[in-house]
């Protein structure tokens, strides 16, 4: 898997989660429960937690420890890493240095979660 810097934390990069089609002749792997299959370079990639899937809304059971679901007016919700500065609980103020990657519009805290007022 590839890596990326998210909210000042090194993490796995987003992946294209898909059931295919692929052009390689490798047999389709079976992913463990709670993970999603990815496609990389027209072949099967690794199985990943749904929080790493590109253009996917937050999983119904949450994003996992150290992550939070951010809602957006303009697009689907997405999972983001909670910055170290937030000490485990994300807020608009502590996330401000990373707001350009978390929230394209104004940040609002609603019931302990972040909501991006980005014109949707």
PDB file of N, CA and C in Angstrom:
ATOM      1  N   UNK A   1       0.833  -1.189   0.000  1.00  0.00           N
ATOM      2  CA  UNK A   1       0.000   0.000   0.000  1.00  0.00           C
ATOM      3  C   UNK A   1       0.873   1.247   0.000  1.00  0.00           C
ATOM      4  N   UNK A   2       0.335   2.293  -0.560  1.00  0.00           N
ATOM      5  CA  UNK A   2       1.027   3.578  -0.587  1.00  0.00           C
ATOM      6  C   UNK A   2       0.756   4.315   0.724  1.00  0.00           C
ATOM      7  N   UNK A   3       1.591   5.308   1.013  1.00  0.00           N
ATOM      8  CA  UNK A   3       1.402   6.113   2.215  1.00  0.00           C
ATOM      9  C   UNK A   3       1.148   7.570   1.835  1.00  0.00           C
ATOM     10  N   UNK A   4       0.563   8.313   2.775  1.00  0.00           N
ATOM     11  CA  UNK A   4       0.268   9.732   2.562  1.00  0.00           C
ATOM     12  C   UNK A   4       0.338  10.447   3.897  1.00  0.00           C
ATOM     13  N   UNK A   5       0.595  11.747   3.848  1.00  0.00           N
ATOM     14  CA  UNK A   5       0.553  12.560   5.053  1.00  0.00           C
ATOM     15  C   UNK A   5      -0.853  13.138   5.150  1.00  0.00           C
ATOM     16  N   UNK A   6      -1.553  12.829   6.236  1.00  0.00           N
ATOM     17  CA  UNK A   6      -2.920  13.294   6.457  1.00  0.00           C
ATOM     18  C   UNK A   6      -2.973  13.990   7.799  1.00  0.00           C
ATOM     19  N   UNK A   7      -3.359  15.231   7.803  1.00  0.00           N
ATOM     20  CA  UNK A   7      -3.497  16.001   9.052  1.00  0.00           C
ATOM     21  C   UNK A   7      -2.226  15.907   9.898  1.00  0.00           C
ATOM     22  N   UNK A   8      -1.073  15.877   9.236  1.00  0.00           N
ATOM     23  CA  UNK A   8       0.199  15.813   9.935  1.00  0.00           C
ATOM     24  C   UNK A   8       0.572  14.436  10.441  1.00  0.00           C
ATOM     25  N   UNK A   9      -0.148  13.400  10.015  1.00  0.00           N
ATOM     26  CA  UNK A   9       0.103  12.027  10.454  1.00  0.00           C
ATOM     27  C   UNK A   9       0.369  11.165   9.217  1.00  0.00           C
ATOM     28  N   UNK A  10       1.424  10.341   9.255  1.00  0.00           N
ATOM     29  CA  UNK A  10       1.674   9.412   8.150  1.00  0.00           C
ATOM     30  C   UNK A  10       0.704   8.249   8.267  1.00  0.00           C
ATOM     31  N   UNK A  11      -0.007   7.975   7.182  1.00  0.00           N
ATOM     32  CA  UNK A  11      -1.046   6.952   7.138  1.00  0.00           C
ATOM     33  C   UNK A  11      -1.032   6.323   5.757  1.00  0.00           C
ATOM     34  N   UNK A  12      -1.824   5.278   5.582  1.00  0.00           N
ATOM     35  CA  UNK A  12      -1.986   4.707   4.253  1.00  0.00           C
ATOM     36  C   UNK A  12      -2.751   5.689   3.379  1.00  0.00           C
ATOM     37  N   UNK A  13      -2.464   5.690   2.082  1.00  0.00           N
ATOM     38  CA  UNK A  13      -3.138   6.573   1.128  1.00  0.00           C
ATOM     39  C   UNK A  13      -4.498   5.996   0.754  1.00  0.00           C
ATOM     40  N   UNK A  14      -5.362   6.854   0.185  1.00  0.00           N
ATOM     41  CA  UNK A  14      -6.652   6.385  -0.299  1.00  0.00           C
ATOM     42  C   UNK A  14      -6.443   5.426  -1.460  1.00  0.00           C
ATOM     43  N   UNK A  15      -7.354   4.487  -1.577  1.00  0.00           N
ATOM     44  CA  UNK A  15      -7.276   3.464  -2.614  1.00  0.00           C
ATOM     45  C   UNK A  15      -8.586   3.403  -3.393  1.00  0.00           C
ATOM     46  N   UNK A  16      -8.539   2.853  -4.602  1.00  0.00           N
ATOM     47  CA  UNK A  16      -9.715   2.623  -5.417  1.00  0.00           C
ATOM     48  C   UNK A  16     -10.322   1.295  -4.982  1.00  0.00           C
ATOM     49  N   UNK A  17     -11.364   1.337  -4.176  1.00  0.00           N
ATOM     50  CA  UNK A  17     -12.026   0.121  -3.707  1.00  0.00           C
ATOM     51  C   UNK A  17     -13.033  -0.314  -4.757  1.00  0.00           C
ATOM     52  N   UNK A  18     -12.866  -1.531  -5.240  1.00  0.00           N
ATOM     53  CA  UNK A  18     -13.688  -1.993  -6.355  1.00  0.00           C
ATOM     54  C   UNK A  18     -13.705  -3.513  -6.417  1.00  0.00           C
ATOM     55  N   UNK A  19     -14.739  -4.026  -7.036  1.00  0.00           N
ATOM     56  CA  UNK A  19     -14.850  -5.456  -7.300  1.00  0.00           C
ATOM     57  C   UNK A  19     -14.436  -5.761  -8.740  1.00  0.00           C
ATOM     58  N   UNK A  20     -13.790  -4.800  -9.392  1.00  0.00           N
ATOM     59  CA  UNK A  20     -13.305  -4.996 -10.748  1.00  0.00           C
ATOM     60  C   UNK A  20     -14.131  -4.200 -11.732  1.00  0.00           C
ATOM     61  N   UNK A  21     -13.952  -4.435 -13.014  1.00  0.00           N
ATOM     62  CA  UNK A  21     -13.147  -5.497 -13.609  1.00  0.00           C
ATOM     63  C   UNK A  21     -11.654  -5.167 -13.593  1.00  0.00           C
ATOM     64  N   UNK A  22     -10.854  -6.197 -13.755  1.00  0.00           N
ATOM     65  CA  UNK A  22      -9.407  -6.060 -13.847  1.00  0.00           C
ATOM     66  C   UNK A  22      -8.934  -6.750 -15.125  1.00  0.00           C
ATOM     67  N   UNK A  23      -7.721  -6.421 -15.562  1.00  0.00           N
ATOM     68  CA  UNK A  23      -7.187  -7.015 -16.785  1.00  0.00           C
ATOM     69  C   UNK A  23      -6.144  -8.097 -16.497  1.00  0.00           C
ATOM     70  N   UNK A  24      -5.717  -8.231 -15.251  1.00  0.00           N
ATOM     71  CA  UNK A  24      -4.718  -9.254 -14.927  1.00  0.00           C
ATOM     72  C   UNK A  24      -5.400 -10.619 -14.804  1.00  0.00           C
ATOM     73  N   UNK A  25      -4.600 -11.644 -14.835  1.00  0.00           N
ATOM     74  CA  UNK A  25      -5.144 -13.000 -14.752  1.00  0.00           C
ATOM     75  C   UNK A  25      -5.024 -13.584 -13.355  1.00  0.00           C
ATOM     76  N   UNK A  26      -4.775 -12.744 -12.369  1.00  0.00           N
ATOM     77  CA  UNK A  26      -4.674 -13.185 -10.980  1.00  0.00           C
ATOM     78  C   UNK A  26      -6.074 -13.450 -10.426  1.00  0.00           C
ATOM     79  N   UNK A  27      -6.207 -14.506  -9.639  1.00  0.00           N
ATOM     80  CA  UNK A  27      -7.505 -14.838  -9.055  1.00  0.00           C
ATOM     81  C   UNK A  27      -7.930 -13.765  -8.045  1.00  0.00           C
ATOM     82  N   UNK A  28      -9.197 -13.431  -8.045  1.00  0.00           N
ATOM     83  CA  UNK A  28      -9.743 -12.421  -7.141  1.00  0.00           C
ATOM     84  C   UNK A  28      -9.600 -12.897  -5.697  1.00  0.00           C
ATOM     85  N   UNK A  29      -8.944 -12.088  -4.830  1.00  0.00           N
ATOM     86  CA  UNK A  29      -8.774 -12.502  -3.435  1.00  0.00           C
ATOM     87  C   UNK A  29     -10.076 -12.360  -2.647  1.00  0.00           C
ATOM     88  N   UNK A  30     -10.142 -13.046  -1.556  1.00  0.00           N
ATOM     89  CA  UNK A  30     -11.262 -12.951  -0.632  1.00  0.00           C
ATOM     90  C   UNK A  30     -10.809 -12.091   0.544  1.00  0.00           C
ATOM     91  N   UNK A  31     -11.528 -11.006   0.800  1.00  0.00           N
ATOM     92  CA  UNK A  31     -11.141 -10.087   1.876  1.00  0.00           C
ATOM     93  C   UNK A  31     -11.768 -10.488   3.206  1.00  0.00           C
ATOM     94  N   UNK A  32     -11.043 -10.260   4.304  1.00  0.00           N
ATOM     95  CA  UNK A  32     -11.619 -10.515   5.626  1.00  0.00           C
ATOM     96  C   UNK A  32     -12.841  -9.620   5.864  1.00  0.00           C
ATOM     97  N   UNK A  33     -13.734 -10.057   6.699  1.00  0.00           N
ATOM     98  CA  UNK A  33     -14.931  -9.278   7.026  1.00  0.00           C
ATOM     99  C   UNK A  33     -14.528  -7.888   7.517  1.00  0.00           C
ATOM    100  N   UNK A  34     -15.257  -6.872   7.060  1.00  0.00           N
ATOM    101  CA  UNK A  34     -14.993  -5.504   7.481  1.00  0.00           C
ATOM    102  C   UNK A  34     -13.955  -4.792   6.645  1.00  0.00           C
ATOM    103  N   UNK A  35     -13.421  -5.451   5.589  1.00  0.00           N
ATOM    104  CA  UNK A  35     -12.458  -4.811   4.701  1.00  0.00           C
ATOM    105  C   UNK A  35     -13.009  -4.799   3.283  1.00  0.00           C
ATOM    106  N   UNK A  36     -12.396  -3.985   2.420  1.00  0.00           N
ATOM    107  CA  UNK A  36     -12.826  -3.857   1.029  1.00  0.00           C
ATOM    108  C   UNK A  36     -11.662  -4.183   0.109  1.00  0.00           C
ATOM    109  N   UNK A  37     -11.974  -4.765  -1.019  1.00  0.00           N
ATOM    110  CA  UNK A  37     -10.989  -5.107  -2.044  1.00  0.00           C
ATOM    111  C   UNK A  37     -10.627  -3.853  -2.839  1.00  0.00           C
ATOM    112  N   UNK A  38      -9.366  -3.738  -3.222  1.00  0.00           N
ATOM    113  CA  UNK A  38      -8.924  -2.601  -4.025  1.00  0.00           C
ATOM    114  C   UNK A  38      -8.417  -3.078  -5.386  1.00  0.00           C
ATOM    115  N   UNK A  39      -8.344  -2.121  -6.301  1.00  0.00           N
ATOM    116  CA  UNK A  39      -7.777  -2.364  -7.631  1.00  0.00           C
ATOM    117  C   UNK A  39      -6.628  -1.389  -7.812  1.00  0.00           C
ATOM    118  N   UNK A  40      -5.458  -1.921  -8.205  1.00  0.00           N
ATOM    119  CA  UNK A  40      -4.272  -1.102  -8.454  1.00  0.00           C
ATOM    120  C   UNK A  40      -3.652  -1.551  -9.765  1.00  0.00           C
ATOM    121  N   UNK A  41      -3.406  -0.605 -10.654  1.00  0.00           N
ATOM    122  CA  UNK A  41      -2.774  -0.895 -11.948  1.00  0.00           C
ATOM    123  C   UNK A  41      -3.505  -2.008 -12.698  1.00  0.00           C
ATOM    124  N   UNK A  42      -4.837  -1.935 -12.725  1.00  0.00           N
ATOM    125  CA  UNK A  42      -5.701  -2.889 -13.433  1.00  0.00           C
ATOM    126  C   UNK A  42      -5.600  -4.322 -12.912  1.00  0.00           C
ATOM    127  N   UNK A  43      -5.174  -4.484 -11.669  1.00  0.00           N
ATOM    128  CA  UNK A  43      -5.121  -5.798 -11.048  1.00  0.00           C
ATOM    129  C   UNK A  43      -5.612  -5.674  -9.606  1.00  0.00           C
ATOM    130  N   UNK A  44      -5.806  -6.781  -8.937  1.00  0.00           N
ATOM    131  CA  UNK A  44      -6.275  -6.768  -7.555  1.00  0.00           C
ATOM    132  C   UNK A  44      -5.212  -6.195  -6.631  1.00  0.00           C
ATOM    133  N   UNK A  45      -5.637  -5.344  -5.737  1.00  0.00           N
ATOM    134  CA  UNK A  45      -4.753  -4.774  -4.733  1.00  0.00           C
ATOM    135  C   UNK A  45      -5.060  -5.393  -3.381  1.00  0.00           C
ATOM    136  N   UNK A  46      -4.586  -4.759  -2.311  1.00  0.00           N
ATOM    137  CA  UNK A  46      -4.821  -5.303  -0.971  1.00  0.00           C
ATOM    138  C   UNK A  46      -6.250  -5.052  -0.495  1.00  0.00           C
ATOM    139  N   UNK A  47      -6.635  -5.751   0.542  1.00  0.00           N
ATOM    140  CA  UNK A  47      -7.900  -5.520   1.226  1.00  0.00           C
ATOM    141  C   UNK A  47      -7.644  -4.436   2.273  1.00  0.00           C
ATOM    142  N   UNK A  48      -8.524  -3.438   2.345  1.00  0.00           N
ATOM    143  CA  UNK A  48      -8.309  -2.300   3.235  1.00  0.00           C
ATOM    144  C   UNK A  48      -9.566  -1.990   4.047  1.00  0.00           C
ATOM    145  N   UNK A  49      -9.387  -1.279   5.158  1.00  0.00           N
ATOM    146  CA  UNK A  49     -10.519  -0.759   5.924  1.00  0.00           C
ATOM    147  C   UNK A  49     -11.247   0.228   5.020  1.00  0.00           C
ATOM    148  N   UNK A  50     -12.570   0.280   5.057  1.00  0.00           N
ATOM    149  CA  UNK A  50     -13.319   1.184   4.178  1.00  0.00           C
ATOM    150  C   UNK A  50     -12.936   2.660   4.292  1.00  0.00           C
ATOM    151  N   UNK A  51     -12.321   3.081   5.390  1.00  0.00           N
ATOM    152  CA  UNK A  51     -11.932   4.496   5.524  1.00  0.00           C
ATOM    153  C   UNK A  51     -10.896   4.905   4.484  1.00  0.00           C
ATOM    154  N   UNK A  52     -10.205   3.942   3.879  1.00  0.00           N
ATOM    155  CA  UNK A  52      -9.196   4.239   2.871  1.00  0.00           C
ATOM    156  C   UNK A  52      -9.758   4.266   1.450  1.00  0.00           C
ATOM    157  N   UNK A  53     -11.048   4.029   1.278  1.00  0.00           N
ATOM    158  CA  UNK A  53     -11.638   3.971  -0.060  1.00  0.00           C
ATOM    159  C   UNK A  53     -11.931   5.369  -0.593  1.00  0.00           C
ATOM    160  N   UNK A  54     -11.457   5.647  -1.808  1.00  0.00           N
ATOM    161  CA  UNK A  54     -11.690   6.922  -2.474  1.00  0.00           C
ATOM    162  C   UNK A  54     -13.189   7.072  -2.751  1.00  0.00           C
ATOM    163  N   UNK A  55     -13.687   8.274  -2.542  1.00  0.00           N
ATOM    164  CA  UNK A  55     -15.072   8.625  -2.883  1.00  0.00           C
ATOM    165  C   UNK A  55     -16.115   7.717  -2.228  1.00  0.00           C
ATOM    166  N   UNK A  56     -15.843   7.271  -1.028  1.00  0.00           N
ATOM    167  CA  UNK A  56     -16.809   6.475  -0.281  1.00  0.00           C
ATOM    168  C   UNK A  56     -17.209   7.237   0.974  1.00  0.00           C
ATOM    169  N   UNK A  57     -18.477   7.184   1.308  1.00  0.00           N
ATOM    170  CA  UNK A  57     -18.945   7.818   2.542  1.00  0.00           C
ATOM    171  C   UNK A  57     -18.377   7.057   3.738  1.00  0.00           C
ATOM    172  N   UNK A  58     -18.435   7.672   4.894  1.00  0.00           N
ATOM    173  CA  UNK A  58     -17.952   7.022   6.116  1.00  0.00           C
ATOM    174  C   UNK A  58     -18.679   5.696   6.319  1.00  0.00           C
ATOM    175  N   UNK A  59     -17.959   4.669   6.772  1.00  0.00           N
ATOM    176  CA  UNK A  59     -18.595   3.378   7.020  1.00  0.00           C
ATOM    177  C   UNK A  59     -19.653   3.506   8.121  1.00  0.00           C
ATOM    178  N   UNK A  60     -20.729   2.720   8.040  1.00  0.00           N
ATOM    179  CA  UNK A  60     -21.792   2.787   9.051  1.00  0.00           C
ATOM    180  C   UNK A  60     -21.294   2.535  10.477  1.00  0.00           C
ATOM    181  N   UNK A  61     -20.264   1.712  10.625  1.00  0.00           N
ATOM    182  CA  UNK A  61     -19.754   1.400  11.966  1.00  0.00           C
ATOM    183  C   UNK A  61     -18.632   2.340  12.395  1.00  0.00           C
ATOM    184  N   UNK A  62     -18.404   3.421  11.630  1.00  0.00           N
ATOM    185  CA  UNK A  62     -17.412   4.419  12.007  1.00  0.00           C
ATOM    186  C   UNK A  62     -16.096   4.258  11.283  1.00  0.00           C
ATOM    187  N   UNK A  63     -15.232   5.229  11.497  1.00  0.00           N
ATOM    188  CA  UNK A  63     -13.949   5.292  10.798  1.00  0.00           C
ATOM    189  C   UNK A  63     -12.827   4.576  11.541  1.00  0.00           C
ATOM    190  N   UNK A  64     -13.015   4.247  12.807  1.00  0.00           N
ATOM    191  CA  UNK A  64     -11.982   3.571  13.579  1.00  0.00           C
ATOM    192  C   UNK A  64     -11.235   4.514  14.508  1.00  0.00           C
ATOM    193  N   UNK A  65     -10.488   3.940  15.414  1.00  0.00           N
ATOM    194  CA  UNK A  65      -9.731   4.711  16.413  1.00  0.00           C
ATOM    195  C   UNK A  65      -8.746   5.648  15.736  1.00  0.00           C
ATOM    196  N   UNK A  66      -8.700   6.899  16.189  1.00  0.00           N
ATOM    197  CA  UNK A  66      -7.784   7.888  15.636  1.00  0.00           C
ATOM    198  C   UNK A  66      -8.310   8.568  14.393  1.00  0.00           C
ATOM    199  N   UNK A  67      -9.525   8.253  13.987  1.00  0.00           N
ATOM    200  CA  UNK A  67     -10.166   8.815  12.807  1.00  0.00           C
ATOM    201  C   UNK A  67     -11.517   9.385  13.199  1.00  0.00           C
ATOM    202  N   UNK A  68     -12.061  10.265  12.367  1.00  0.00           N
ATOM    203  CA  UNK A  68     -13.406  10.780  12.586  1.00  0.00           C
ATOM    204  C   UNK A  68     -14.089  10.981  11.243  1.00  0.00           C
ATOM    205  N   UNK A  69     -15.414  10.950  11.268  1.00  0.00           N
ATOM    206  CA  UNK A  69     -16.198  11.176  10.065  1.00  0.00           C
ATOM    207  C   UNK A  69     -16.534  12.662   9.984  1.00  0.00           C
ATOM    208  N   UNK A  70     -16.242  13.276   8.851  1.00  0.00           N
ATOM    209  CA  UNK A  70     -16.542  14.683   8.621  1.00  0.00           C
ATOM    210  C   UNK A  70     -17.639  14.755   7.560  1.00  0.00           C
ATOM    211  N   UNK A  71     -18.717  15.453   7.866  1.00  0.00           N
ATOM    212  CA  UNK A  71     -19.797  15.610   6.889  1.00  0.00           C
ATOM    213  C   UNK A  71     -19.549  16.857   6.047  1.00  0.00           C
ATOM    214  N   UNK A  72     -20.054  16.828   4.833  1.00  0.00           N
ATOM    215  CA  UNK A  72     -19.886  17.932   3.886  1.00  0.00           C
ATOM    216  C   UNK A  72     -21.239  18.259   3.270  1.00  0.00           C
ATOM    217  N   UNK A  73     -21.488  19.524   3.008  1.00  0.00           N
ATOM    218  CA  UNK A  73     -22.704  19.913   2.307  1.00  0.00           C
ATOM    219  C   UNK A  73     -22.626  19.507   0.837  1.00  0.00           C
ATOM    220  N   UNK A  74     -21.459  19.670   0.223  1.00  0.00           N
ATOM    221  CA  UNK A  74     -21.320  19.502  -1.222  1.00  0.00           C
ATOM    222  C   UNK A  74     -21.054  18.061  -1.657  1.00  0.00           C
ATOM    223  N   UNK A  75     -20.464  17.254  -0.809  1.00  0.00           N
ATOM    224  CA  UNK A  75     -20.105  15.883  -1.177  1.00  0.00           C
ATOM    225  C   UNK A  75     -20.442  14.945  -0.029  1.00  0.00           C
ATOM    226  N   UNK A  76     -20.163  13.663  -0.237  1.00  0.00           N
ATOM    227  CA  UNK A  76     -20.403  12.672   0.808  1.00  0.00           C
ATOM    228  C   UNK A  76     -19.467  12.903   1.994  1.00  0.00           C
ATOM    229  N   UNK A  77     -19.816  12.342   3.112  1.00  0.00           N
ATOM    230  CA  UNK A  77     -18.942  12.396   4.282  1.00  0.00           C
ATOM    231  C   UNK A  77     -17.658  11.627   3.967  1.00  0.00           C
ATOM    232  N   UNK A  78     -16.604  11.887   4.749  1.00  0.00           N
ATOM    233  CA  UNK A  78     -15.381  11.118   4.574  1.00  0.00           C
ATOM    234  C   UNK A  78     -14.649  10.998   5.904  1.00  0.00           C
ATOM    235  N   UNK A  79     -13.807   9.988   5.975  1.00  0.00           N
ATOM    236  CA  UNK A  79     -13.013   9.735   7.167  1.00  0.00           C
ATOM    237  C   UNK A  79     -11.725  10.550   7.104  1.00  0.00           C
ATOM    238  N   UNK A  80     -11.389  11.207   8.210  1.00  0.00           N
ATOM    239  CA  UNK A  80     -10.136  11.945   8.298  1.00  0.00           C
ATOM    240  C   UNK A  80      -9.409  11.559   9.581  1.00  0.00           C
ATOM    241  N   UNK A  81      -8.088  11.631   9.514  1.00  0.00           N
ATOM    242  CA  UNK A  81      -7.261  11.363  10.688  1.00  0.00           C
ATOM    243  C   UNK A  81      -7.434  12.505  11.682  1.00  0.00           C
ATOM    244  N   UNK A  82      -7.582  12.183  12.947  1.00  0.00           N
ATOM    245  CA  UNK A  82      -7.634  13.210  13.988  1.00  0.00           C
ATOM    246  C   UNK A  82      -6.200  13.698  14.207  1.00  0.00           C
ATOM    247  N   UNK A  83      -5.925  14.993  13.973  1.00  0.00           N
ATOM    248  CA  UNK A  83      -4.565  15.508  14.163  1.00  0.00           C
ATOM    249  C   UNK A  83      -4.094  15.325  15.610  1.00  0.00           C
ATOM    250  N   UNK A  84      -2.779  15.111  15.798  1.00  0.00           N
ATOM    251  CA  UNK A  84      -2.223  14.968  17.147  1.00  0.00           C
ATOM    252  C   UNK A  84      -2.586  16.155  18.023  1.00  0.00           C
ATOM    253  N   UNK A  85      -2.643  17.349  17.422  1.00  0.00           N
ATOM    254  CA  UNK A  85      -2.958  18.573  18.166  1.00  0.00           C
ATOM    255  C   UNK A  85      -4.330  18.508  18.828  1.00  0.00           C
ATOM    256  N   UNK A  86      -5.193  17.638  18.354  1.00  0.00           N
ATOM    257  CA  UNK A  86      -6.553  17.541  18.886  1.00  0.00           C
ATOM    258  C   UNK A  86      -6.660  16.573  20.071  1.00  0.00           C
ATOM    259  N   UNK A  87      -5.580  15.918  20.420  1.00  0.00           N
ATOM    260  CA  UNK A  87      -5.537  15.003  21.570  1.00  0.00           C
ATOM    261  C   UNK A  87      -6.710  14.010  21.582  1.00  0.00           C
ATOM    262  N   UNK A  88      -7.026  13.457  20.402  1.00  0.00           N
ATOM    263  CA  UNK A  88      -8.033  12.407  20.315  1.00  0.00           C
ATOM    264  C   UNK A  88      -9.451  12.878  20.051  1.00  0.00           C
ATOM    265  N   UNK A  89      -9.749  14.152  20.253  1.00  0.00           N
ATOM    266  CA  UNK A  89     -11.094  14.675  20.004  1.00  0.00           C
ATOM    267  C   UNK A  89     -10.996  15.854  19.051  1.00  0.00           C
ATOM    268  N   UNK A  90     -11.474  15.675  17.845  1.00  0.00           N
ATOM    269  CA  UNK A  90     -11.313  16.707  16.821  1.00  0.00           C
ATOM    270  C   UNK A  90     -12.269  17.880  17.046  1.00  0.00           C
ATOM    271  N   UNK A  91     -11.775  19.062  16.753  1.00  0.00           N
ATOM    272  CA  UNK A  91     -12.560  20.290  16.787  1.00  0.00           C
ATOM    273  C   UNK A  91     -12.030  21.227  15.724  1.00  0.00           C
ATOM    274  N   UNK A  92     -12.836  22.203  15.345  1.00  0.00           N
ATOM    275  CA  UNK A  92     -12.429  23.143  14.288  1.00  0.00           C
ATOM    276  C   UNK A  92     -11.149  23.886  14.663  1.00  0.00           C
ATOM    277  N   UNK A  93     -11.023  24.283  15.925  1.00  0.00           N
ATOM    278  CA  UNK A  93      -9.857  25.076  16.337  1.00  0.00           C
ATOM    279  C   UNK A  93      -8.565  24.268  16.272  1.00  0.00           C
ATOM    280  N   UNK A  94      -8.571  23.057  16.843  1.00  0.00           N
ATOM    281  CA  UNK A  94      -7.333  22.270  16.847  1.00  0.00           C
ATOM    282  C   UNK A  94      -6.989  21.736  15.456  1.00  0.00           C
ATOM    283  N   UNK A  95      -7.997  21.574  14.595  1.00  0.00           N
ATOM    284  CA  UNK A  95      -7.757  21.076  13.242  1.00  0.00           C
ATOM    285  C   UNK A  95      -7.424  22.191  12.260  1.00  0.00           C
ATOM    286  N   UNK A  96      -7.458  23.438  12.710  1.00  0.00           N
ATOM    287  CA  UNK A  96      -7.262  24.597  11.826  1.00  0.00           C
ATOM    288  C   UNK A  96      -6.016  24.506  10.938  1.00  0.00           C
ATOM    289  N   UNK A  97      -4.848  24.047  11.440  1.00  0.00           N
ATOM    290  CA  UNK A  97      -3.676  23.985  10.559  1.00  0.00           C
ATOM    291  C   UNK A  97      -3.849  23.023   9.373  1.00  0.00           C
ATOM    292  N   UNK A  98      -4.822  22.127   9.450  1.00  0.00           N
ATOM    293  CA  UNK A  98      -5.024  21.114   8.409  1.00  0.00           C
ATOM    294  C   UNK A  98      -6.355  21.308   7.682  1.00  0.00           C
ATOM    295  N   UNK A  99      -7.015  22.449   7.928  1.00  0.00           N
ATOM    296  CA  UNK A  99      -8.355  22.650   7.401  1.00  0.00           C
ATOM    297  C   UNK A  99      -8.412  22.610   5.882  1.00  0.00           C
ATOM    298  N   UNK A 100      -7.346  23.016   5.179  1.00  0.00           N
ATOM    299  CA  UNK A 100      -7.381  22.983   3.718  1.00  0.00           C
ATOM    300  C   UNK A 100      -7.536  21.567   3.174  1.00  0.00           C
ATOM    301  N   UNK A 101      -7.089  20.555   3.909  1.00  0.00           N
ATOM    302  CA  UNK A 101      -7.268  19.180   3.444  1.00  0.00           C
ATOM    303  C   UNK A 101      -8.495  18.511   4.063  1.00  0.00           C
ATOM    304  N   UNK A 102      -9.003  19.046   5.157  1.00  0.00           N
ATOM    305  CA  UNK A 102     -10.162  18.453   5.836  1.00  0.00           C
ATOM    306  C   UNK A 102     -11.461  19.060   5.336  1.00  0.00           C
ATOM    307  N   UNK A 103     -11.488  20.374   5.184  1.00  0.00           N
ATOM    308  CA  UNK A 103     -12.741  21.077   4.952  1.00  0.00           C
ATOM    309  C   UNK A 103     -12.521  22.251   3.997  1.00  0.00           C
ATOM    310  N   UNK A 104     -13.138  22.183   2.809  1.00  0.00           N
ATOM    311  CA  UNK A 104     -12.952  23.234   1.812  1.00  0.00           C
ATOM    312  C   UNK A 104     -13.684  24.529   2.164  1.00  0.00           C
ATOM    313  N   UNK A 105     -14.674  24.454   3.028  1.00  0.00           N
ATOM    314  CA  UNK A 105     -15.439  25.639   3.413  1.00  0.00           C
ATOM    315  C   UNK A 105     -15.311  25.910   4.896  1.00  0.00           C
ATOM    316  N   UNK A 106     -16.282  26.602   5.433  1.00  0.00           N
ATOM    317  CA  UNK A 106     -16.289  26.912   6.863  1.00  0.00           C
ATOM    318  C   UNK A 106     -16.499  25.647   7.681  1.00  0.00           C
ATOM    319  N   UNK A 107     -15.800  25.556   8.790  1.00  0.00           N
ATOM    320  CA  UNK A 107     -15.891  24.402   9.693  1.00  0.00           C
ATOM    321  C   UNK A 107     -16.886  24.730  10.810  1.00  0.00           C
ATOM    322  N   UNK A 108     -17.768  23.784  11.097  1.00  0.00           N
ATOM    323  CA  UNK A 108     -18.744  23.931  12.171  1.00  0.00           C
ATOM    324  C   UNK A 108     -18.704  22.650  13.006  1.00  0.00           C
ATOM    325  N   UNK A 109     -18.744  22.809  14.330  1.00  0.00           N
ATOM    326  CA  UNK A 109     -18.812  21.646  15.211  1.00  0.00           C
ATOM    327  C   UNK A 109     -20.274  21.372  15.541  1.00  0.00           C
ATOM    328  N   UNK A 110     -20.712  20.148  15.239  1.00  0.00           N
ATOM    329  CA  UNK A 110     -22.087  19.741  15.496  1.00  0.00           C
ATOM    330  C   UNK A 110     -22.094  18.419  16.250  1.00  0.00           C
ATOM    331  N   UNK A 111     -22.585  18.423  17.467  1.00  0.00           N
ATOM    332  CA  UNK A 111     -22.698  17.218  18.299  1.00  0.00           C
ATOM    333  C   UNK A 111     -21.401  16.415  18.345  1.00  0.00           C
ATOM    334  N   UNK A 112     -20.277  17.100  18.571  1.00  0.00           N
ATOM    335  CA  UNK A 112     -18.994  16.436  18.716  1.00  0.00           C
ATOM    336  C   UNK A 112     -18.351  16.001  17.421  1.00  0.00           C
ATOM    337  N   UNK A 113     -18.897  16.436  16.284  1.00  0.00           N
ATOM    338  CA  UNK A 113     -18.340  16.077  14.978  1.00  0.00           C
ATOM    339  C   UNK A 113     -18.128  17.341  14.156  1.00  0.00           C
ATOM    340  N   UNK A 114     -17.327  17.223  13.107  1.00  0.00           N
ATOM    341  CA  UNK A 114     -17.093  18.355  12.220  1.00  0.00           C
ATOM    342  C   UNK A 114     -18.032  18.285  11.020  1.00  0.00           C
ATOM    343  N   UNK A 115     -18.507  19.443  10.634  1.00  0.00           N
ATOM    344  CA  UNK A 115     -19.330  19.584   9.449  1.00  0.00           C
ATOM    345  C   UNK A 115     -18.743  20.702   8.610  1.00  0.00           C
ATOM    346  N   UNK A 116     -18.546  20.449   7.317  1.00  0.00           N
ATOM    347  CA  UNK A 116     -18.000  21.451   6.421  1.00  0.00           C
ATOM    348  C   UNK A 116     -19.136  22.134   5.688  1.00  0.00           C
ATOM    349  N   UNK A 117     -19.208  23.418   5.848  1.00  0.00           N
ATOM    350  CA  UNK A 117     -20.202  24.232   5.167  1.00  0.00           C
ATOM    351  C   UNK A 117     -19.578  24.678   3.861  1.00  0.00           C
ATOM    352  N   UNK A 118     -19.598  23.763   2.884  1.00  0.00           N
ATOM    353  CA  UNK A 118     -18.874  23.997   1.633  1.00  0.00           C
ATOM    354  C   UNK A 118     -19.778  24.184   0.418  1.00  0.00           C
ATOM    355  N   UNK A 119     -20.960  24.716   0.678  1.00  0.00           N
ATOM    356  CA  UNK A 119     -21.815  25.163  -0.414  1.00  0.00           C
ATOM    357  C   UNK A 119     -22.611  24.141  -1.165  1.00  0.00           C
ATOM    358  N   UNK A 120     -22.904  22.998  -0.566  1.00  0.00           N
ATOM    359  CA  UNK A 120     -23.670  21.976  -1.292  1.00  0.00           C
ATOM    360  C   UNK A 120     -25.144  22.171  -1.228  1.00  0.00           C
TER     361      UNK A 120
END
